[in-house]
Structure formats: structure tokens, C-alpha cells
């Protein structure tokens, strides 16, 4: 018997899994930042998110990027990984 208040974490039955495919370089357009925003919104709602990076999309995960005047893709994705984003390169 469990003590009162000792609950097991259960998955939300309404939670979905989103899988995003990113194949463009981090600063060539809006694709990277759209993927970041979609992933962040889904994670914040309790959903699971997978991101597959292929082709130029792998450059979004290179460390020490020098992004000037725009958000740093590698840092943003690192924050999302901490929230549960799963990345496949």
C-alpha cells in the first residue's frame, strides 16, 4: 500500500508525438525558427517531439555558432533538448 500523496507519474492519454524534419541551414530562411517555435509549443503543451535533421539541417546543432542579430539556433535547440526534444542527426 502506498502512502497518501505518493502517485506514479502517468502519461497524458491525450499527448501526441510530433516528428519534425529539418533539412535547411540554420540562417537561410525561416524554416529553422519555425521548427523551434513548433517544437517549443508542443513541448510546453506536454507533447513529445522528435526532430530529424538531415542535409544542411545538421548545421543547426554545431556548437559555438556566431549568430549576430538573430537567435542562435544551437542554443535554442539545446534549451529544447533540456525540455525533452529528441534529436536525430
N, C-alpha and C. Protein backbone atom coordinates (compact mmCIF):
# COMPACT_ATOMS: atom_id res chain seq x y z
N UNK A 1 0.84 -1.18 0.00
CA UNK A 1 0.00 0.00 0.00
C UNK A 1 0.89 1.25 0.00
N UNK A 2 0.51 2.21 -0.77
CA UNK A 2 1.28 3.45 -0.89
C UNK A 2 0.77 4.49 0.11
N UNK A 3 1.69 5.31 0.60
CA UNK A 3 1.26 6.39 1.47
C UNK A 3 0.46 7.42 0.68
N UNK A 4 -0.44 8.17 1.35
CA UNK A 4 -1.22 9.20 0.66
C UNK A 4 -0.30 10.22 -0.01
N UNK A 5 -0.67 10.62 -1.22
CA UNK A 5 0.12 11.61 -1.96
C UNK A 5 1.27 11.02 -2.75
N UNK A 6 1.48 9.71 -2.66
CA UNK A 6 2.56 9.06 -3.40
C UNK A 6 1.99 8.52 -4.71
N UNK A 7 2.08 9.31 -5.75
CA UNK A 7 1.48 8.95 -7.04
C UNK A 7 2.55 8.64 -8.06
N UNK A 8 2.26 7.71 -8.93
CA UNK A 8 3.13 7.45 -10.06
C UNK A 8 2.84 8.46 -11.15
N UNK A 9 3.89 8.90 -11.83
CA UNK A 9 3.68 9.80 -12.97
C UNK A 9 3.08 8.98 -14.10
N UNK A 10 1.98 9.48 -14.63
CA UNK A 10 1.33 8.79 -15.74
C UNK A 10 1.36 9.70 -16.96
N UNK A 11 1.48 9.06 -18.11
CA UNK A 11 1.48 9.84 -19.35
C UNK A 11 0.08 10.34 -19.63
N UNK A 12 0.01 11.51 -20.19
CA UNK A 12 -1.26 12.10 -20.58
C UNK A 12 -1.79 11.31 -21.78
N UNK A 13 -2.98 10.72 -21.68
CA UNK A 13 -3.51 9.94 -22.80
C UNK A 13 -3.80 10.79 -24.04
N UNK A 14 -3.90 12.09 -23.86
CA UNK A 14 -4.17 12.97 -25.00
C UNK A 14 -2.88 13.50 -25.63
N UNK A 15 -1.73 13.22 -25.02
CA UNK A 15 -0.45 13.70 -25.55
C UNK A 15 -0.16 13.01 -26.89
N UNK A 16 0.35 13.76 -27.80
CA UNK A 16 0.70 13.26 -29.13
C UNK A 16 2.22 13.30 -29.30
N UNK A 17 2.70 12.64 -30.32
CA UNK A 17 4.11 12.71 -30.69
C UNK A 17 4.22 13.43 -32.03
N UNK A 18 4.98 14.50 -32.05
CA UNK A 18 5.24 15.25 -33.27
C UNK A 18 6.63 14.90 -33.76
N UNK A 19 6.78 14.71 -35.05
CA UNK A 19 8.08 14.48 -35.64
C UNK A 19 8.30 15.54 -36.72
N UNK A 20 9.37 16.32 -36.54
CA UNK A 20 9.71 17.39 -37.47
C UNK A 20 10.93 16.98 -38.27
N UNK A 21 10.99 17.38 -39.53
CA UNK A 21 12.12 17.09 -40.41
C UNK A 21 12.72 18.42 -40.83
N UNK A 22 13.99 18.63 -40.53
CA UNK A 22 14.67 19.87 -40.85
C UNK A 22 15.85 19.60 -41.76
N UNK A 23 15.82 20.17 -42.96
CA UNK A 23 16.89 19.90 -43.93
C UNK A 23 17.53 21.17 -44.49
N UNK A 24 17.21 22.32 -43.88
CA UNK A 24 17.79 23.58 -44.37
C UNK A 24 18.75 24.15 -43.34
N UNK A 25 19.70 24.94 -43.81
CA UNK A 25 20.71 25.53 -42.92
C UNK A 25 20.06 26.49 -41.93
N UNK A 26 20.72 26.74 -40.80
CA UNK A 26 20.08 27.48 -39.72
C UNK A 26 19.69 28.92 -40.03
N UNK A 27 20.40 29.59 -40.91
CA UNK A 27 20.16 31.01 -41.10
C UNK A 27 19.81 31.38 -42.54
N UNK A 28 19.30 30.41 -43.31
CA UNK A 28 18.98 30.68 -44.71
C UNK A 28 17.53 31.09 -44.93
N UNK A 29 16.73 31.02 -43.91
CA UNK A 29 15.32 31.37 -44.03
C UNK A 29 14.63 31.16 -42.71
N UNK A 30 13.33 30.99 -42.74
CA UNK A 30 12.55 30.85 -41.53
C UNK A 30 12.33 29.41 -41.08
N UNK A 31 12.77 28.44 -41.87
CA UNK A 31 12.48 27.03 -41.54
C UNK A 31 12.98 26.62 -40.16
N UNK A 32 14.22 27.01 -39.83
CA UNK A 32 14.78 26.63 -38.53
C UNK A 32 13.98 27.21 -37.40
N UNK A 33 13.63 28.48 -37.50
CA UNK A 33 12.92 29.13 -36.40
C UNK A 33 11.46 28.69 -36.32
N UNK A 34 10.90 28.28 -37.44
CA UNK A 34 9.56 27.68 -37.40
C UNK A 34 9.62 26.35 -36.67
N UNK A 35 10.63 25.54 -36.95
CA UNK A 35 10.79 24.26 -36.26
C UNK A 35 10.98 24.48 -34.75
N UNK A 36 11.77 25.48 -34.39
CA UNK A 36 11.98 25.80 -32.97
C UNK A 36 10.67 26.18 -32.31
N UNK A 37 9.90 27.05 -32.95
CA UNK A 37 8.64 27.51 -32.36
C UNK A 37 7.62 26.38 -32.25
N UNK A 38 7.50 25.55 -33.27
CA UNK A 38 6.56 24.43 -33.23
C UNK A 38 6.97 23.44 -32.14
N UNK A 39 8.26 23.11 -32.08
CA UNK A 39 8.74 22.17 -31.07
C UNK A 39 8.51 22.71 -29.67
N UNK A 40 8.81 23.98 -29.46
CA UNK A 40 8.63 24.58 -28.15
C UNK A 40 7.16 24.59 -27.72
N UNK A 41 6.29 24.96 -28.64
CA UNK A 41 4.85 25.00 -28.32
C UNK A 41 4.34 23.60 -27.98
N UNK A 42 4.74 22.60 -28.74
CA UNK A 42 4.28 21.24 -28.48
C UNK A 42 4.81 20.72 -27.14
N UNK A 43 6.09 20.97 -26.86
CA UNK A 43 6.66 20.53 -25.59
C UNK A 43 5.97 21.22 -24.41
N UNK A 44 5.69 22.50 -24.57
CA UNK A 44 5.01 23.24 -23.50
C UNK A 44 3.60 22.73 -23.23
N UNK A 45 3.00 22.10 -24.24
CA UNK A 45 1.66 21.53 -24.08
C UNK A 45 1.70 20.08 -23.60
N UNK A 46 2.90 19.56 -23.36
CA UNK A 46 3.03 18.21 -22.84
C UNK A 46 3.17 17.12 -23.88
N UNK A 47 3.37 17.49 -25.13
CA UNK A 47 3.53 16.51 -26.20
C UNK A 47 5.00 16.09 -26.31
N UNK A 48 5.23 14.98 -26.97
CA UNK A 48 6.59 14.52 -27.28
C UNK A 48 6.96 15.07 -28.65
N UNK A 49 8.22 15.42 -28.81
CA UNK A 49 8.67 15.97 -30.09
C UNK A 49 9.99 15.31 -30.49
N UNK A 50 10.01 14.80 -31.71
CA UNK A 50 11.23 14.28 -32.34
C UNK A 50 11.61 15.24 -33.46
N UNK A 51 12.90 15.46 -33.63
CA UNK A 51 13.36 16.28 -34.74
C UNK A 51 14.44 15.51 -35.48
N UNK A 52 14.22 15.32 -36.77
CA UNK A 52 15.20 14.66 -37.63
C UNK A 52 15.89 15.74 -38.44
N UNK A 53 17.21 15.86 -38.30
CA UNK A 53 17.98 16.84 -39.06
C UNK A 53 18.78 16.10 -40.12
N UNK A 54 18.65 16.56 -41.34
CA UNK A 54 19.31 15.93 -42.47
C UNK A 54 19.87 17.00 -43.38
N UNK A 55 20.85 16.65 -44.18
CA UNK A 55 21.42 17.63 -45.11
C UNK A 55 21.97 18.83 -44.35
N UNK A 56 21.63 20.03 -44.82
CA UNK A 56 22.10 21.25 -44.17
C UNK A 56 21.49 21.46 -42.79
N UNK A 57 20.43 20.74 -42.46
CA UNK A 57 19.80 20.87 -41.15
C UNK A 57 20.71 20.50 -39.99
N UNK A 58 21.72 19.65 -40.26
CA UNK A 58 22.64 19.27 -39.18
C UNK A 58 23.47 20.47 -38.70
N UNK A 59 23.62 21.49 -39.53
CA UNK A 59 24.40 22.67 -39.12
C UNK A 59 23.72 23.43 -37.99
N UNK A 60 22.45 23.20 -37.75
CA UNK A 60 21.74 23.85 -36.65
C UNK A 60 22.28 23.42 -35.30
N UNK A 61 23.03 22.33 -35.25
CA UNK A 61 23.48 21.76 -33.99
C UNK A 61 24.98 21.91 -33.76
N UNK A 62 25.67 22.63 -34.66
CA UNK A 62 27.10 22.89 -34.46
C UNK A 62 27.27 23.85 -33.30
N UNK A 63 28.24 23.58 -32.45
CA UNK A 63 28.50 24.43 -31.29
C UNK A 63 29.27 25.69 -31.69
N UNK A 64 29.18 26.69 -30.84
CA UNK A 64 29.91 27.96 -30.99
C UNK A 64 29.54 28.71 -32.25
N UNK A 65 28.27 28.72 -32.60
CA UNK A 65 27.82 29.49 -33.76
C UNK A 65 27.91 30.98 -33.44
N UNK A 66 28.19 31.76 -34.45
CA UNK A 66 28.31 33.21 -34.29
C UNK A 66 27.11 33.89 -34.96
N UNK A 67 25.96 33.77 -34.36
CA UNK A 67 24.75 34.38 -34.90
C UNK A 67 24.69 35.83 -34.42
N UNK A 68 24.65 36.77 -35.35
CA UNK A 68 24.60 38.19 -34.99
C UNK A 68 23.23 38.76 -35.34
N UNK A 69 22.55 39.30 -34.35
CA UNK A 69 21.27 39.95 -34.59
C UNK A 69 20.07 39.02 -34.73
N UNK A 70 20.30 37.72 -34.64
CA UNK A 70 19.22 36.73 -34.73
C UNK A 70 19.46 35.67 -33.66
N UNK A 71 18.42 34.93 -33.30
CA UNK A 71 18.61 33.89 -32.28
C UNK A 71 19.60 32.81 -32.74
N UNK A 72 20.39 32.32 -31.82
CA UNK A 72 21.37 31.27 -32.09
C UNK A 72 20.65 29.93 -32.11
N UNK A 73 20.64 29.26 -33.26
CA UNK A 73 19.90 28.01 -33.44
C UNK A 73 20.39 26.92 -32.49
N UNK A 74 21.69 26.78 -32.34
CA UNK A 74 22.24 25.72 -31.49
C UNK A 74 21.81 25.92 -30.04
N UNK A 75 21.83 27.14 -29.55
CA UNK A 75 21.42 27.42 -28.17
C UNK A 75 19.93 27.15 -27.98
N UNK A 76 19.12 27.56 -28.95
CA UNK A 76 17.68 27.34 -28.85
C UNK A 76 17.35 25.85 -28.83
N UNK A 77 17.99 25.10 -29.72
CA UNK A 77 17.73 23.65 -29.74
C UNK A 77 18.25 22.99 -28.47
N UNK A 78 19.37 23.46 -27.93
CA UNK A 78 19.89 22.91 -26.67
C UNK A 78 18.88 23.10 -25.54
N UNK A 79 18.26 24.27 -25.50
CA UNK A 79 17.23 24.53 -24.48
C UNK A 79 16.05 23.57 -24.65
N UNK A 80 15.68 23.31 -25.91
CA UNK A 80 14.55 22.41 -26.16
C UNK A 80 14.90 20.96 -25.82
N UNK A 81 16.15 20.58 -26.03
CA UNK A 81 16.58 19.22 -25.65
C UNK A 81 16.42 19.05 -24.14
N UNK A 82 16.73 20.10 -23.38
CA UNK A 82 16.55 20.06 -21.93
C UNK A 82 15.08 19.88 -21.55
N UNK A 83 14.17 20.35 -22.41
CA UNK A 83 12.73 20.22 -22.16
C UNK A 83 12.17 18.89 -22.66
N UNK A 84 12.99 18.10 -23.36
CA UNK A 84 12.52 16.79 -23.82
C UNK A 84 12.58 16.55 -25.31
N UNK A 85 13.03 17.51 -26.10
CA UNK A 85 13.16 17.31 -27.54
C UNK A 85 14.16 16.19 -27.81
N UNK A 86 13.81 15.27 -28.69
CA UNK A 86 14.73 14.22 -29.11
C UNK A 86 15.20 14.56 -30.52
N UNK A 87 16.52 14.59 -30.70
CA UNK A 87 17.11 14.98 -31.98
C UNK A 87 17.82 13.79 -32.59
N UNK A 88 17.59 13.60 -33.88
CA UNK A 88 18.23 12.53 -34.64
C UNK A 88 18.97 13.17 -35.80
N UNK A 89 20.29 12.97 -35.85
CA UNK A 89 21.11 13.53 -36.94
C UNK A 89 21.47 12.46 -37.94
